[in-house]
């Protein structure tokens, strides 16, 4: 997938709300990873897409509230594996 990496942040998550992270199912946009920082009550999702507008639209379509969306870049990308064969490509 040709695209750029974006970080989506969501603040003030209710307890247990991160068990069901909605998938980003739009063409040209995919959810790469999501992590919860329980101490700060923040969820950060890494999403690959062609531009910020497409990523924001994909998040809205997945009913995922976005409090902040910013460009990101890999410092150390995840390793390839059976579930993520192309994650080492830097966008």
Protein backbone atom coordinates (compact mmCIF):
# COMPACT_ATOMS: atom_id res chain seq x y z
CA UNK A 1 0.00 0.00 0.00
CA UNK A 2 1.42 3.35 -1.00
CA UNK A 3 0.59 5.95 1.58
CA UNK A 4 1.63 7.87 4.62
CA UNK A 5 1.51 7.02 8.30
CA UNK A 6 -0.77 8.99 10.64
CA UNK A 7 -1.32 8.87 14.39
CA UNK A 8 -4.90 9.20 15.58
CA UNK A 9 -5.41 9.99 19.23
CA UNK A 10 -8.54 9.53 21.28
CA UNK A 11 -8.73 10.88 24.84
CA UNK A 12 -10.96 10.08 27.80
CA UNK A 13 -11.84 6.48 26.94
CA UNK A 14 -14.38 4.85 29.18
CA UNK A 15 -13.22 1.66 30.98
CA UNK A 16 -13.34 -1.40 28.74
CA UNK A 17 -14.03 0.65 25.60
CA UNK A 18 -10.82 -0.39 23.87
CA UNK A 19 -11.65 -4.09 23.58
CA UNK A 20 -13.46 -3.47 20.28
CA UNK A 21 -11.25 -1.28 18.10
CA UNK A 22 -13.19 -0.75 14.86
CA UNK A 23 -11.44 -1.77 11.67
CA UNK A 24 -10.68 0.80 9.01
CA UNK A 25 -12.17 -0.85 5.96
CA UNK A 26 -11.95 1.83 3.29
CA UNK A 27 -9.88 1.32 0.13
CA UNK A 28 -6.44 2.88 0.41
CA UNK A 29 -6.56 3.21 4.20
CA UNK A 30 -5.74 0.66 6.88
CA UNK A 31 -5.34 0.43 10.60
CA UNK A 32 -1.76 -0.71 11.29
CA UNK A 33 -1.83 -0.84 15.10
CA UNK A 34 -3.60 0.60 18.11
CA UNK A 35 -2.35 0.92 21.67
CA UNK A 36 -3.95 2.11 24.88
CA UNK A 37 -1.99 4.15 27.41
CA UNK A 38 -4.08 3.47 30.50
CA UNK A 39 -2.19 5.88 32.76
CA UNK A 40 -3.00 8.77 30.43
CA UNK A 41 -6.39 7.38 29.35
CA UNK A 42 -5.39 7.70 25.69
CA UNK A 43 -5.69 5.41 22.69
CA UNK A 44 -3.24 5.92 19.80
CA UNK A 45 -3.96 4.30 16.46
CA UNK A 46 -1.42 4.15 13.62
CA UNK A 47 -3.19 4.34 10.29
CA UNK A 48 -1.72 4.22 6.81
CA UNK A 49 -3.43 6.24 4.09
CA UNK A 50 -2.89 8.62 1.17
CA UNK A 51 -3.64 11.82 3.14
CA UNK A 52 -5.11 13.10 6.39
CA UNK A 53 -8.56 13.73 4.90
CA UNK A 54 -8.93 10.11 3.74
CA UNK A 55 -7.75 8.82 7.12
CA UNK A 56 -10.20 11.11 8.95
CA UNK A 57 -13.03 9.93 6.69
CA UNK A 58 -12.11 6.27 7.31
CA UNK A 59 -12.13 6.85 11.07
CA UNK A 60 -15.53 8.55 10.83
CA UNK A 61 -16.89 5.69 8.72
CA UNK A 62 -15.70 3.26 11.41
CA UNK A 63 -17.42 5.41 14.08
CA UNK A 64 -14.09 6.06 15.76
CA UNK A 65 -13.88 9.46 17.45
CA UNK A 66 -10.64 11.29 16.61
CA UNK A 67 -9.46 13.97 19.01
CA UNK A 68 -6.18 14.56 17.17
CA UNK A 69 -4.79 13.37 13.82
CA UNK A 70 -1.17 14.08 12.98
CA UNK A 71 1.41 12.82 10.46
CA UNK A 72 3.76 10.16 11.85
CA UNK A 73 6.80 8.25 10.65
CA UNK A 74 8.40 4.97 11.55
CA UNK A 75 11.48 5.11 13.74
CA UNK A 76 11.59 1.32 14.05
CA UNK A 77 8.85 -0.38 12.02
CA UNK A 78 7.39 -3.69 13.18
CA UNK A 79 8.91 -6.84 11.76
CA UNK A 80 7.27 -8.87 9.03
CA UNK A 81 5.17 -11.79 10.13
CA UNK A 82 2.31 -13.97 8.93
CA UNK A 83 -0.27 -11.37 9.99
CA UNK A 84 1.59 -8.29 8.72
CA UNK A 85 3.70 -9.19 5.70
CA UNK A 86 4.32 -5.64 4.41
CA UNK A 87 4.69 -3.54 7.57
CA UNK A 88 8.42 -2.87 7.10
CA UNK A 89 7.76 -0.59 4.13
CA UNK A 90 8.08 3.00 5.26
CA UNK A 91 5.34 5.26 3.91
